[in-house]
Amino acid sequence: MFAREREVLAHVEYELGASDHSVTLLTGEAGIGKSLLCMLIEADAPQHGVRCVRHSADDYALGTVAWLRSMYAGFGLPLPLSADANTEAHLVDGLAAGLGRLAHHVNHRFLLILDDADGLDNEELSIVERLYIASGKAPAPFHLVLAGLPTLRDRLAGPGALALGEHVRSRLPLNPLNAEESERYVRHRLHVAGSTQMPFSRLGLRSLRDDGKGNPKRLNALAQRALERAAERGEQNIGERALGFVAREVLPQHARYWLRRYRKPILAIGAMLSILFVGGFAVWVFTGHSPSRPKSFVAITPEQALAKLQDALPPPETGAVRVWGELLARWQVSSKDTSVANAINCDALIFPGFACVSGRGSLDQLRRFDRPLVLELDDAHAKQQVLLVGAGDDAVRLYLGGKYVELTRDAFDRVWKGRFYAVFRIDPAMPNKLSRGDSGEGMHWLALHLAPNDPKLAEPSIFDAATETRVRNVQQRFGIAADGVVGPETMFALSSLETEGPHLARGVP
């Protein structure tokens, strides 16, 4: 055993002797040695007068009732025979009462070790907590050791943690082996296996140690595959180069590992993707059409164009989700920031630093904003939403939620009555409105956008008469009501002056 195992065993032994109740949390990454420690604790417990039961993932798979019944047998208690007593609540209470009676007569202490406890769901962990509390009321000296991945530690700590976390007295992280311990571990395993000589060269052993990252499971997997490969090739000495080849086969972060493990499915998927790619390319070449190339309705009459537009529109709900999803993608907003369903509501602040504004305007006004915007069609088209991605003097380019089309402005004016929605990035400190006399938060952002090329004017200041004049000039330039007040629409206009972010497509006639 290394120092870490001895420390954990000594700590658990101390908890068993120092109090009647304790919960110890043992966490570490997969393969670090948690199960071995659980077995060592189980083997050491009887020497201290402790009756111990150890369960793992195989026991949890039996179901909660069968799992609880197995604890009766483990602690030497008679199983309840009544059908009514074989419910989770009755089994927990009966187990605690039985442990209390047993402790009173034979003066035993009890230890429950739950290995792979990260595999227990929240309901099962609440049952464990109930058993722990019930044993304290019985009373029965009851100790609990939980072993699992670091995710278990996160579930039992911090805001919103499970109630069981409140009873944890000791949190013992199982750290990886250091370089010296890793090498000792490999030598020990070879000695146990009966090896009389070291099959790894000095550089090979160092490579094995480095790639193993102090994880016994990784060390075992690398060493075993290296020995198999050496036996296949008749090699007597395993060097650094061989270990590098083995690491690419064994460790999941290398593509070779996945190719070796899932070779047939990967080949099948690759073949299907190749067929789809070749087929799509052939369609693109021979038809002259690309899925992303806009379909032009410019050369036909407005009536014909509107009929084709109606046929191309998806269902309104589907179209809205796709259109807003495309708009968020163009702004490089990920699902971690917000959802499409949340963005569709167009709240004034979708999330800190990202705002939404809605209003009415003309197509020429929207061209001045030079940003992709969501446009709402008239009632005859069920207020369908489309994305304006380009606008010229004679035509507009729209994304309908699956395909791009180009319409003449005359045809589009027949189905759009001016309603639009726009998103933009904004300083999180910016208030909802700024007007003459205001100061403080938001003034720095406003001054920078009103005078981006004048460092003196870019300093935060009070909203004075000169600032109000500049705001009115911007509002007149963008066709906004020139009231000198910086509201959501004016903020959107100012943000559109930035070069960053998406812009309307060029080259639309």
Protein backbone atom coordinates (compact mmCIF):
# COMPACT_ATOMS: atom_id res chain seq x y z
CA MET A 1 0.00 0.00 0.00
CA PHE A 2 1.03 3.56 -0.69
CA ALA A 3 0.74 6.41 1.79
CA ARG A 4 -2.67 7.42 0.43
CA GLU A 5 -4.21 3.99 1.14
CA ARG A 6 -2.73 3.89 4.63
CA GLU A 7 -4.06 7.38 5.38
CA VAL A 8 -7.58 6.50 4.21
CA LEU A 9 -7.62 3.26 6.24
CA ALA A 10 -6.36 5.08 9.33
CA HIS A 11 -8.98 7.79 8.90
CA VAL A 12 -11.87 5.31 8.56
CA GLU A 13 -10.56 3.34 11.56
CA TYR A 14 -10.49 6.56 13.59
CA GLU A 15 -14.08 7.43 12.59
CA LEU A 16 -15.26 3.95 13.59
CA GLY A 17 -13.76 4.32 17.04
CA ALA A 18 -14.31 8.01 17.73
CA SER A 19 -18.07 8.25 17.16
CA ASP A 20 -21.22 6.20 16.74
CA HIS A 21 -22.20 7.75 13.43
CA SER A 22 -20.19 9.07 10.50
CA VAL A 23 -20.35 9.47 6.74
CA THR A 24 -17.07 9.37 4.81
CA LEU A 25 -16.91 10.38 1.15
CA LEU A 26 -14.14 8.86 -0.96
CA THR A 27 -13.84 10.22 -4.50
CA GLY A 28 -11.46 9.85 -7.41
CA GLU A 29 -11.42 9.32 -11.15
CA ALA A 30 -12.21 5.93 -12.68
CA GLY A 31 -9.48 3.36 -12.15
CA ILE A 32 -7.71 5.30 -9.40
CA GLY A 33 -8.16 2.52 -6.81
CA LYS A 34 -11.44 3.27 -4.98
CA SER A 35 -12.75 -0.29 -5.20
CA LEU A 36 -9.48 -1.69 -3.87
CA LEU A 37 -9.70 0.66 -0.90
CA CYS A 38 -13.29 -0.39 -0.26
CA MET A 39 -12.18 -4.03 -0.18
CA LEU A 40 -9.32 -3.17 2.19
CA ILE A 41 -11.70 -1.32 4.51
CA GLU A 42 -14.08 -4.30 4.42
CA ALA A 43 -11.27 -6.74 5.23
CA ASP A 44 -9.97 -4.55 8.07
CA ALA A 45 -13.34 -3.88 9.73
CA PRO A 46 -13.81 -7.24 11.60
CA GLN A 47 -10.49 -6.71 13.41
CA HIS A 48 -12.08 -3.71 15.15
CA GLY A 49 -15.37 -5.38 16.07
CA VAL A 50 -17.24 -3.87 13.13
CA ARG A 51 -19.77 -5.81 11.07
CA CYS A 52 -19.34 -4.63 7.49
CA VAL A 53 -21.36 -4.88 4.26
CA ARG A 54 -20.00 -3.70 0.90
CA HIS A 55 -22.20 -3.09 -2.13
CA SER A 56 -21.35 -1.96 -5.66
CA ALA A 57 -23.01 -1.34 -9.02
CA ASP A 58 -23.99 -5.01 -9.46
CA ASP A 59 -26.06 -4.86 -6.27
CA TYR A 60 -27.80 -1.61 -7.25
CA ALA A 61 -28.85 -3.18 -10.54
CA LEU A 62 -31.06 -5.63 -8.62
CA GLY A 63 -33.52 -2.87 -7.77
CA THR A 64 -34.02 -0.93 -4.54
CA VAL A 65 -36.12 -3.53 -2.69
CA ALA A 66 -33.77 -6.44 -3.51
CA TRP A 67 -30.79 -4.26 -2.67
CA LEU A 68 -32.19 -3.37 0.75
CA ARG A 69 -33.09 -7.01 1.46
CA SER A 70 -29.50 -8.02 0.71
CA MET A 71 -28.38 -5.71 3.53
CA TYR A 72 -30.40 -7.80 6.01
CA ALA A 73 -28.42 -10.90 5.04
CA GLY A 74 -25.15 -8.97 5.07
CA PHE A 75 -25.66 -7.70 8.61
CA GLY A 76 -27.03 -11.06 9.85
CA LEU A 77 -30.65 -9.98 10.32
CA PRO A 78 -33.72 -12.13 9.53
CA LEU A 79 -35.52 -11.13 6.36
CA PRO A 80 -39.07 -9.78 6.71
CA LEU A 81 -41.60 -12.32 5.42
CA SER A 82 -44.70 -10.17 5.20
CA ALA A 83 -45.48 -8.71 1.80
CA ASP A 84 -46.44 -5.41 3.45
CA ALA A 85 -43.00 -5.21 5.05
CA ASN A 86 -41.21 -5.52 1.71
CA THR A 87 -41.59 -1.91 0.71
CA GLU A 88 -38.72 0.55 0.71
CA ALA A 89 -39.97 2.47 3.76
CA HIS A 90 -40.64 -0.66 5.84
CA LEU A 91 -37.35 -2.26 4.85
CA VAL A 92 -35.36 0.83 5.88
CA ASP A 93 -37.15 1.14 9.24
CA GLY A 94 -36.91 -2.61 9.88
CA LEU A 95 -33.21 -2.65 9.05
CA ALA A 96 -32.47 0.23 11.43
CA ALA A 97 -34.52 -1.36 14.22
CA GLY A 98 -32.81 -4.72 13.69
CA LEU A 99 -29.36 -3.11 13.86
CA GLY A 100 -30.41 -1.36 17.08
CA ARG A 101 -31.46 -4.62 18.72
CA LEU A 102 -28.31 -6.37 17.53
CA ALA A 103 -26.09 -3.59 18.87
CA HIS A 104 -27.83 -3.76 22.25
CA HIS A 105 -27.24 -7.50 22.63
CA VAL A 106 -23.82 -8.11 21.07
CA ASN A 107 -22.30 -4.61 21.27
CA HIS A 108 -21.46 -4.48 17.55
CA ARG A 109 -20.85 -1.50 15.33
CA PHE A 110 -21.94 -1.50 11.71
CA LEU A 111 -20.33 -0.22 8.52
CA LEU A 112 -22.01 0.07 5.13
CA ILE A 113 -19.65 0.62 2.18
CA LEU A 114 -21.28 1.80 -1.05
CA ASP A 115 -18.79 1.51 -3.87
CA ASP A 116 -19.72 3.07 -7.24
CA ALA A 117 -22.12 5.31 -5.29
CA ASP A 118 -22.14 7.80 -8.16
CA GLY A 119 -24.35 5.24 -9.94
CA LEU A 120 -27.12 5.74 -7.36
CA ASP A 121 -29.81 8.19 -8.38
CA ASN A 122 -31.09 10.94 -6.09
CA GLU A 123 -34.01 8.83 -4.84
CA GLU A 124 -31.72 5.95 -3.87
CA LEU A 125 -29.32 8.32 -2.10
CA SER A 126 -32.28 9.72 -0.15
CA ILE A 127 -33.06 6.16 0.97
CA VAL A 128 -29.47 5.82 2.18
CA GLU A 129 -29.88 9.06 4.12
CA ARG A 130 -33.11 7.79 5.68
CA LEU A 131 -31.36 4.58 6.77
CA TYR A 132 -28.54 6.63 8.30
CA ILE A 133 -30.97 8.82 10.26
CA ALA A 134 -33.15 5.87 11.34
CA SER A 135 -30.13 3.97 12.64
CA GLY A 136 -29.26 6.97 14.81
CA LYS A 137 -32.73 6.90 16.35
CA ALA A 138 -32.67 3.10 16.89
CA PRO A 139 -29.95 3.62 18.27
CA ALA A 140 -27.33 1.62 16.38
CA PRO A 141 -23.67 2.64 15.84
CA PHE A 142 -23.82 3.03 12.06
CA HIS A 143 -21.09 4.29 9.75
CA LEU A 144 -21.27 4.91 6.03
CA VAL A 145 -18.51 5.04 3.41
CA LEU A 146 -19.47 6.40 -0.03
CA ALA A 147 -17.02 5.86 -2.88
CA GLY A 148 -17.51 7.26 -6.36
CA LEU A 149 -16.41 9.58 -9.13
CA PRO A 150 -15.84 13.32 -8.50
CA THR A 151 -19.40 13.94 -9.76
CA LEU A 152 -20.65 12.38 -6.52
CA ARG A 153 -18.74 15.00 -4.54
CA ASP A 154 -20.40 17.74 -6.60
CA ARG A 155 -23.86 16.25 -5.99
CA LEU A 156 -23.28 16.25 -2.23
CA ALA A 157 -21.77 19.74 -1.93
CA GLY A 158 -22.73 23.30 -2.68
CA PRO A 159 -26.12 24.95 -3.28
CA GLY A 160 -28.92 22.55 -4.16
CA ALA A 161 -26.95 19.54 -2.87
CA LEU A 162 -28.68 16.35 -1.74
CA ALA A 163 -29.62 16.19 1.95
CA LEU A 164 -27.20 13.31 2.48
CA GLY A 165 -24.35 15.77 1.92
CA GLU A 166 -25.15 17.49 5.21
CA HIS A 167 -24.10 14.35 7.12
CA VAL A 168 -20.72 13.93 5.40
CA ARG A 169 -18.00 14.48 7.98
CA SER A 170 -14.94 13.57 5.93
CA ARG A 171 -14.25 14.14 2.23
CA LEU A 172 -11.22 12.17 1.09
CA PRO A 173 -10.10 12.75 -2.52
CA LEU A 174 -8.01 9.89 -3.86
CA ASN A 175 -5.19 11.54 -5.75
CA PRO A 176 -3.24 9.96 -8.64
CA LEU A 177 0.06 8.22 -7.97
CA ASN A 178 3.16 10.34 -8.37
CA ALA A 179 5.96 9.35 -10.74
CA GLU A 180 7.85 7.30 -8.15
CA GLU A 181 4.72 5.49 -6.96
CA SER A 182 3.67 4.72 -10.55
CA GLU A 183 7.00 3.06 -11.24
CA ARG A 184 6.83 1.11 -7.96
CA TYR A 185 3.33 -0.02 -8.86
CA VAL A 186 4.44 -1.38 -12.24
CA ARG A 187 7.39 -3.21 -10.68
CA HIS A 188 5.15 -4.68 -8.00
CA ARG A 189 2.61 -5.97 -10.53
CA LEU A 190 5.38 -7.58 -12.58
CA HIS A 191 6.78 -9.20 -9.43
CA VAL A 192 3.36 -10.59 -8.47
CA ALA A 193 2.98 -11.96 -12.00
CA GLY A 194 6.24 -13.89 -11.58
CA SER A 195 8.48 -11.81 -13.85
CA THR A 196 12.19 -12.28 -13.10
CA GLN A 197 13.37 -9.39 -15.27
CA MET A 198 12.10 -5.94 -16.23
CA PRO A 199 10.64 -6.14 -19.78
CA PHE A 200 10.53 -2.33 -20.15
CA SER A 201 13.57 -0.26 -20.98
CA ARG A 202 14.34 2.79 -18.86
CA LEU A 203 12.75 5.12 -21.42
CA GLY A 204 9.87 2.68 -21.95
CA LEU A 205 9.16 2.59 -18.22
CA ARG A 206 9.22 6.39 -18.11
CA SER A 207 6.83 6.58 -21.06
CA LEU A 208 4.51 4.07 -19.38
CA ARG A 209 4.61 6.12 -16.20
CA ASP A 210 3.90 9.40 -18.00
CA ASP A 211 1.06 8.04 -20.15
CA GLY A 212 -0.48 6.31 -17.14
CA LYS A 213 -0.92 9.67 -15.38
CA GLY A 214 -0.83 8.01 -11.96
CA ASN A 215 -3.97 5.96 -12.67
CA PRO A 216 -3.54 2.23 -11.91
CA LYS A 217 -6.20 1.25 -14.43
CA ARG A 218 -4.44 3.13 -17.23
CA LEU A 219 -1.07 1.72 -16.16
CA ASN A 220 -2.48 -1.82 -16.24
CA ALA A 221 -4.11 -1.34 -19.66
CA LEU A 222 -0.95 0.15 -21.20
CA ALA A 223 1.39 -2.45 -19.69
CA GLN A 224 -0.82 -5.39 -20.65
CA ARG A 225 -1.18 -4.29 -24.27
CA ALA A 226 2.56 -3.54 -24.47
CA LEU A 227 3.39 -7.04 -23.20
CA GLU A 228 0.91 -8.62 -25.64
CA ARG A 229 2.40 -6.68 -28.54
CA ALA A 230 5.94 -7.63 -27.53
CA ALA A 231 4.94 -11.31 -27.34
CA GLU A 232 3.34 -11.12 -30.79
CA ARG A 233 6.52 -9.63 -32.26
CA GLY A 234 8.98 -11.72 -30.26
CA GLU A 235 10.52 -8.63 -28.66
CA GLN A 236 12.44 -8.98 -25.40
CA ASN A 237 12.64 -5.28 -24.55
CA ILE A 238 9.82 -2.74 -24.71
CA GLY A 239 11.00 0.77 -25.44
CA GLU A 240 9.57 4.26 -25.66
CA ARG A 241 8.53 3.92 -29.30
CA ALA A 242 6.50 0.76 -28.61
CA LEU A 243 4.75 2.45 -25.68
CA GLY A 244 3.84 5.40 -27.90
CA PHE A 245 2.21 3.03 -30.38
CA VAL A 246 0.36 1.24 -27.58
CA ALA A 247 -0.90 4.52 -26.09
CA ARG A 248 -2.57 5.38 -29.39
CA GLU A 249 -4.34 2.01 -29.30
CA VAL A 250 -5.37 1.94 -25.64
CA LEU A 251 -6.07 5.49 -24.46
CA PRO A 252 -9.46 6.97 -25.37
CA GLN A 253 -8.09 10.40 -26.27
CA HIS A 254 -6.42 8.89 -29.33
CA ALA A 255 -8.42 8.25 -32.50
CA ARG A 256 -6.72 4.88 -32.94
CA TYR A 257 -8.39 3.64 -29.73
CA TRP A 258 -11.88 4.32 -31.08
CA LEU A 259 -11.01 2.85 -34.49
CA ARG A 260 -9.83 -0.34 -32.82
CA ARG A 261 -12.80 -0.57 -30.46
CA TYR A 262 -15.60 0.37 -32.87
CA ARG A 263 -14.02 -0.48 -36.21
CA LYS A 264 -17.07 -2.00 -37.93
CA PRO A 265 -19.62 0.69 -36.95
CA ILE A 266 -17.18 3.47 -37.86
CA LEU A 267 -16.49 1.91 -41.27
CA ALA A 268 -20.23 1.52 -41.91
CA ILE A 269 -20.96 5.13 -40.94
CA GLY A 270 -18.00 6.34 -43.01
CA ALA A 271 -19.29 4.48 -46.05
CA MET A 272 -22.78 5.97 -45.64
CA LEU A 273 -21.39 9.49 -45.26
CA SER A 274 -19.23 9.01 -48.34
CA ILE A 275 -22.26 7.93 -50.37
CA LEU A 276 -24.28 10.92 -49.15
CA PHE A 277 -21.42 13.31 -49.89
CA VAL A 278 -20.88 11.95 -53.40
CA GLY A 279 -24.62 12.00 -54.09
CA GLY A 280 -25.01 15.55 -52.83
CA PHE A 281 -22.03 16.73 -54.83
CA ALA A 282 -23.42 15.08 -57.96
CA VAL A 283 -26.77 16.80 -57.49
CA TRP A 284 -25.01 20.12 -56.99
CA VAL A 285 -22.88 19.67 -60.13
CA PHE A 286 -25.54 18.36 -62.50
CA THR A 287 -28.46 20.54 -61.44
CA GLY A 288 -26.52 23.74 -60.77
CA HIS A 289 -28.32 24.16 -57.45
CA SER A 290 -26.91 24.18 -53.94
CA PRO A 291 -28.98 23.86 -50.74
CA SER A 292 -27.49 27.14 -49.50
CA ARG A 293 -27.85 28.98 -52.82
CA PRO A 294 -30.96 31.22 -52.75
CA LYS A 295 -33.75 30.34 -55.12
CA SER A 296 -34.62 33.43 -57.16
CA PHE A 297 -38.24 34.49 -57.64
CA VAL A 298 -37.15 37.82 -59.11
CA ALA A 299 -37.66 37.03 -62.80
CA ILE A 300 -41.34 36.06 -62.45
CA THR A 301 -44.41 38.15 -61.76
CA PRO A 302 -45.14 39.19 -58.16
CA GLU A 303 -48.26 36.98 -58.10
CA GLN A 304 -46.26 33.94 -59.19
CA ALA A 305 -43.48 34.77 -56.74
CA LEU A 306 -45.88 35.03 -53.82
CA ALA A 307 -47.50 31.71 -54.74
CA LYS A 308 -44.08 30.02 -54.79
CA LEU A 309 -43.17 31.74 -51.50
CA GLN A 310 -46.34 30.36 -49.91
CA ASP A 311 -45.41 26.83 -51.02
CA ALA A 312 -41.85 27.21 -49.70
CA LEU A 313 -42.86 28.37 -46.22
CA PRO A 314 -42.67 25.66 -43.51
CA PRO A 315 -45.33 25.42 -40.75
CA PRO A 316 -45.24 28.65 -38.65
CA GLU A 317 -44.01 26.99 -35.44
CA THR A 318 -41.28 25.07 -37.24
CA GLY A 319 -40.27 28.11 -39.27
CA ALA A 320 -39.97 30.31 -36.17
CA VAL A 321 -37.68 27.86 -34.40
CA ARG A 322 -35.43 27.47 -37.45
CA VAL A 323 -35.33 31.20 -38.21
CA TRP A 324 -34.41 32.18 -34.65
CA GLY A 325 -31.93 29.32 -34.46
CA GLU A 326 -30.23 30.63 -37.60
CA LEU A 327 -30.19 34.17 -36.19
CA LEU A 328 -28.57 33.01 -32.92
CA ALA A 329 -26.04 30.95 -34.88
CA ARG A 330 -25.04 34.01 -36.91
CA TRP A 331 -24.42 35.85 -33.63
CA GLN A 332 -22.44 32.82 -32.38
CA VAL A 333 -24.80 32.31 -29.44
CA SER A 334 -24.65 28.72 -28.18
CA SER A 335 -27.23 26.63 -26.33
CA LYS A 336 -25.21 27.23 -23.16
CA ASP A 337 -26.08 30.94 -23.38
CA THR A 338 -29.80 30.61 -24.08
CA SER A 339 -32.37 28.44 -25.83
CA VAL A 340 -34.15 29.19 -29.10
CA ALA A 341 -37.49 29.02 -27.25
CA ASN A 342 -36.31 31.71 -24.85
CA ALA A 343 -34.98 33.94 -27.64
CA ILE A 344 -38.30 33.77 -29.54
CA ASN A 345 -39.97 35.63 -26.66
CA CYS A 346 -37.72 38.60 -27.53
CA ASP A 347 -37.40 39.82 -23.95
CA ALA A 348 -35.58 43.13 -23.55
CA LEU A 349 -32.63 41.16 -22.14
CA ILE A 350 -32.33 37.59 -23.40
CA PHE A 351 -29.25 37.01 -21.23
CA PRO A 352 -26.68 39.44 -19.78
CA GLY A 353 -24.97 41.20 -22.66
CA PHE A 354 -27.48 40.10 -25.33
CA ALA A 355 -30.68 42.09 -25.90
CA CYS A 356 -33.70 42.00 -28.18
CA VAL A 357 -35.84 44.80 -29.64
CA SER A 358 -39.00 44.75 -31.73
CA GLY A 359 -40.75 47.47 -33.68
CA ARG A 360 -41.97 48.64 -37.04
CA GLY A 361 -39.97 50.19 -39.83
CA SER A 362 -39.39 50.37 -43.55
CA LEU A 363 -37.07 48.17 -45.58
CA ASP A 364 -34.78 51.13 -46.25
CA GLN A 365 -34.52 51.75 -42.51
CA LEU A 366 -33.62 48.11 -41.89
CA ARG A 367 -30.94 48.32 -44.59
CA ARG A 368 -29.30 51.12 -42.60
CA PHE A 369 -29.14 48.87 -39.55
CA ASP A 370 -27.20 46.37 -41.74
CA ARG A 371 -28.01 43.43 -39.44
CA PRO A 372 -29.97 40.23 -40.11
CA LEU A 373 -33.46 40.69 -38.63
CA VAL A 374 -36.53 38.52 -38.10
CA LEU A 375 -39.48 39.86 -40.10
CA GLU A 376 -43.10 38.96 -39.40
CA LEU A 377 -45.36 38.47 -42.42
CA ASP A 378 -48.97 39.66 -42.57
CA ASP A 379 -52.04 37.95 -41.10
CA ALA A 380 -52.78 36.22 -44.39
CA HIS A 381 -49.55 34.25 -43.93
CA ALA A 382 -50.30 33.36 -40.29
CA LYS A 383 -47.73 35.93 -39.11
CA GLN A 384 -45.00 33.62 -40.40
CA GLN A 385 -41.49 34.69 -39.40
CA VAL A 386 -38.63 34.86 -41.90
CA LEU A 387 -35.05 36.07 -41.59
CA LEU A 388 -33.86 39.04 -43.64
CA VAL A 389 -30.28 38.19 -44.65
CA GLY A 390 -29.79 40.60 -47.54
CA ALA A 391 -31.47 43.65 -49.06
CA GLY A 392 -30.69 45.57 -52.24
CA ASP A 393 -32.32 48.36 -54.21
CA ASP A 394 -34.65 46.01 -56.07
CA ALA A 395 -34.68 42.68 -54.21
CA VAL A 396 -34.46 41.06 -50.77
CA ARG A 397 -32.93 37.76 -49.70
CA LEU A 398 -34.81 35.77 -47.05
CA TYR A 399 -34.21 32.62 -45.02
CA LEU A 400 -37.49 30.75 -44.61
CA GLY A 401 -36.32 28.12 -42.12
CA GLY A 402 -34.77 25.56 -44.43
CA LYS A 403 -34.10 27.39 -47.69
CA TYR A 404 -33.10 30.81 -49.02
CA VAL A 405 -35.17 32.76 -51.56
CA GLU A 406 -34.90 36.10 -53.34
CA LEU A 407 -37.95 38.28 -53.98
CA THR A 408 -38.46 41.64 -55.60
CA ARG A 409 -39.13 44.41 -53.10
CA ASP A 410 -42.47 45.03 -54.73
CA ALA A 411 -43.57 41.44 -54.11
CA PHE A 412 -42.22 41.43 -50.58
CA ASP A 413 -44.00 44.68 -49.66
CA ARG A 414 -47.28 42.87 -50.33
CA VAL A 415 -46.70 40.34 -47.51
CA TRP A 416 -44.67 42.35 -44.98
CA LYS A 417 -46.22 45.25 -43.10
CA GLY A 418 -43.12 46.49 -41.24
CA ARG A 419 -42.95 44.31 -38.11
CA PHE A 420 -39.39 43.26 -37.20
CA TYR A 421 -37.37 41.71 -34.34
CA ALA A 422 -33.64 42.26 -33.84
CA VAL A 423 -31.01 41.01 -31.40
CA PHE A 424 -27.74 42.71 -30.52
CA ARG A 425 -24.88 42.61 -28.05
CA ILE A 426 -24.81 45.28 -25.35
CA ASP A 427 -22.76 46.17 -22.29
CA PRO A 428 -24.34 44.23 -19.35
CA ALA A 429 -24.06 47.42 -17.27
CA MET A 430 -26.26 49.35 -19.74
CA PRO A 431 -29.61 50.43 -18.18
CA ASN A 432 -32.91 50.14 -20.07
CA LYS A 433 -32.93 53.85 -20.88
CA LEU A 434 -30.57 56.83 -20.78
CA SER A 435 -31.65 60.46 -21.06
CA ARG A 436 -30.37 63.94 -20.36
CA GLY A 437 -28.96 64.32 -16.84
CA ASP A 438 -28.10 60.62 -16.40
CA SER A 439 -24.62 59.44 -15.49
CA GLY A 440 -22.82 56.38 -14.22
CA GLU A 441 -23.39 52.89 -15.66
CA GLY A 442 -23.88 52.80 -19.40
CA MET A 443 -22.33 56.16 -20.17
CA HIS A 444 -18.99 54.61 -21.12
CA TRP A 445 -20.64 52.37 -23.74
CA LEU A 446 -22.75 55.24 -25.05
CA ALA A 447 -19.82 57.64 -25.34
CA LEU A 448 -17.69 55.05 -27.14
CA HIS A 449 -20.41 54.48 -29.75
CA LEU A 450 -21.25 58.14 -30.23
CA ALA A 451 -17.61 59.15 -30.71
CA PRO A 452 -15.55 56.00 -31.43
CA ASN A 453 -12.67 57.96 -32.98
CA ASP A 454 -12.39 60.65 -30.31
CA PRO A 455 -10.63 59.35 -27.16
CA LYS A 456 -11.58 62.44 -25.14
CA LEU A 457 -15.27 62.06 -25.86
CA ALA A 458 -15.06 58.31 -25.22
CA GLU A 459 -14.52 58.85 -21.49
CA PRO A 460 -17.60 58.17 -19.27
CA SER A 461 -19.42 61.43 -18.53
CA ILE A 462 -22.80 62.89 -17.77
CA PHE A 463 -25.58 62.85 -20.37
CA ASP A 464 -25.39 66.55 -21.25
CA ALA A 465 -26.80 68.70 -24.06
CA ALA A 466 -23.93 67.84 -26.42
CA THR A 467 -24.54 64.12 -25.88
CA GLU A 468 -28.27 64.60 -26.50
CA THR A 469 -27.51 66.36 -29.79
CA ARG A 470 -25.32 63.46 -30.94
CA VAL A 471 -28.06 61.00 -29.97
CA ARG A 472 -30.63 62.94 -32.02
CA ASN A 473 -28.27 62.91 -35.02
CA VAL A 474 -27.96 59.13 -34.81
CA GLN A 475 -31.71 58.73 -34.46
CA GLN A 476 -32.35 60.89 -37.52
CA ARG A 477 -29.73 58.94 -39.48
CA PHE A 478 -31.46 55.63 -38.72
CA GLY A 479 -35.03 56.90 -39.05
CA ILE A 480 -35.83 56.60 -35.35
CA ALA A 481 -37.98 59.12 -33.49
CA ALA A 482 -35.44 61.87 -32.64
CA ASP A 483 -36.37 62.41 -28.98
CA GLY A 484 -32.79 62.38 -27.66
CA VAL A 485 -33.54 59.43 -25.36
CA VAL A 486 -31.43 56.27 -25.69
CA GLY A 487 -33.94 53.43 -25.62
CA PRO A 488 -33.71 49.85 -26.95
CA GLU A 489 -34.11 50.84 -30.63
CA THR A 490 -31.42 53.53 -30.35
CA MET A 491 -29.10 51.09 -28.58
CA PHE A 492 -29.64 48.64 -31.46
CA ALA A 493 -28.82 51.40 -33.96
CA LEU A 494 -25.63 52.30 -32.10
CA SER A 495 -24.58 48.66 -31.81
CA SER A 496 -25.05 48.21 -35.57
CA LEU A 497 -22.15 50.64 -36.07
CA GLU A 498 -19.80 47.95 -34.75
CA THR A 499 -17.92 45.88 -37.33
CA GLU A 500 -18.22 42.75 -35.20
CA GLY A 501 -21.25 40.57 -35.56
CA PRO A 502 -23.28 39.49 -38.63
CA HIS A 503 -24.21 41.89 -41.41
CA LEU A 504 -26.61 41.75 -44.36
CA ALA A 505 -25.32 39.93 -47.43
CA ARG A 506 -23.70 41.93 -50.17
CA GLY A 507 -24.43 41.40 -53.85
CA VAL A 508 -28.24 41.44 -53.61
CA PRO A 509 -29.44 43.46 -56.64
